[in-house]
C-alpha cells in the first residue's frame, strides 16, 4: 500500500510540472471571472471532499452495521452497483476524454494523428494490470505453499491419493471414506490467498482512481469560467460518491488493519480536492489546449481507463458473478444485474455534465 501512496504523491507533484507550459493553440473564448470562479472552487472542494468520504466509508462501516456485512445480499448489491459505476467511469468518462485529448488539432499530426494512441495505451494498461495481478498472486501463492507441510509422494501413493480437478488431494484409506487436503492450495473464498488477492485488487483499483482524480481536480482548479465550473461541481460530487463506494467495497473485503484502511480512505477523499488546489495554483500558466497538457492528460487518462475497465470486468464483476453463490440464487442474479445496470446508468448519465 505504501507504494501506491508514494506513486500517487509522485503524480500529484509531477502532473502540474508537465502541464505548466506555453499554449501554442488558440483557445476558445469563454467568460472568465476569477472571483466568482473561486467561490465555486471552494464549494467544489468542500462538496467533493464530503462526498468522497461518505462514499468510501459506506461499505467500510459494514463492520458496524449488520446490513452491510459482506455475507449479506445488500453488500453484494452495493458491490454490483459500484462495479457498474467504475466500468462506466472507464468507458464513458475517461476513455472518451483520452481520445479527445490525443486527437486534438493542437497536437502535431505526426505521430498523434496517425495512430489511435488512446485505445492502444488503454489496452497496454489493461494488460499491464493483468500482469501485476498475475505476478502478485503467484508470489502470494508460492509464499503460502512454503508455509504448508509438504505431502510425501510415497505415502500419498500408498494411501491412494488422487488430485482432483479442483486441486484438492483426496486421500482414501481402507478404514475410512474421508479426505484430506494436501499441499496444493485452492483459491477459496475467505482463504488467505483470496484475502491477498483482494488486497492487491483494492490497491491497484485505488491507483487507477487516483490517477483520474488528480487530472479532473487540476482541470477544474485551473478553470476560471463559472459557467464551466457550475455543472462540474454537482457532477463531480456524485462522481466521487459513487467511485468511493466502489473503492470502499474493495477495501472492506481486503480486511486491512484500521490504520491502513483509514489511510486509503483519507487519501482517496483528499486527492481530487488536492488536485483542485494545485490547479488553482498553476492557473496562470496552465492551459487545457497546450500540447503538453493534452499529451499528459490523454496518456494518463488512457492508463486510468485501461486499469478501471480491467478491474471492473475481471476482478469485480467476473469474480462475483461467476461465483457459486451467484449461480445458485436466481434472486441474487436478478438483483445484482439490476444494481449493475443502475450503477452504470447513473454514472453514464453524469457524462452529460462532466
Foldseek 3Di string as FASTA:
>chain_A
DVVLVVVLVVLLVPLLVLQLADAPDDDDDADFDQVVLVVLLVLLLVLLLVLLLQQLVVLLCCVVPVCSPPVHLVVLLLLLLLLLQLQLCLPQPLLVLLQCLLCPPLADCPPSVVDSVLQVLLQVLLVVLVVVLVVQLVVVLVVVLVVFDADDPVVQVVQVWDQDPQRATAGHHPVDRGGDGHSRDGCDPPDPSVLSSLVSLLSLLLSLLLLVLLLVLLVSLLDRHPVLSVLVSVLSSVSSNSNSNNSSSSLNSSPDPPVVSVVSSSCSSCRSSSSSVSNNVSNVRGDCNHSSNSVVSSSSSSSSSSSSNSSSVPVRCCVPCVDPVNVVDPVSVVSSVVSNCVSNVVSSVSSVND
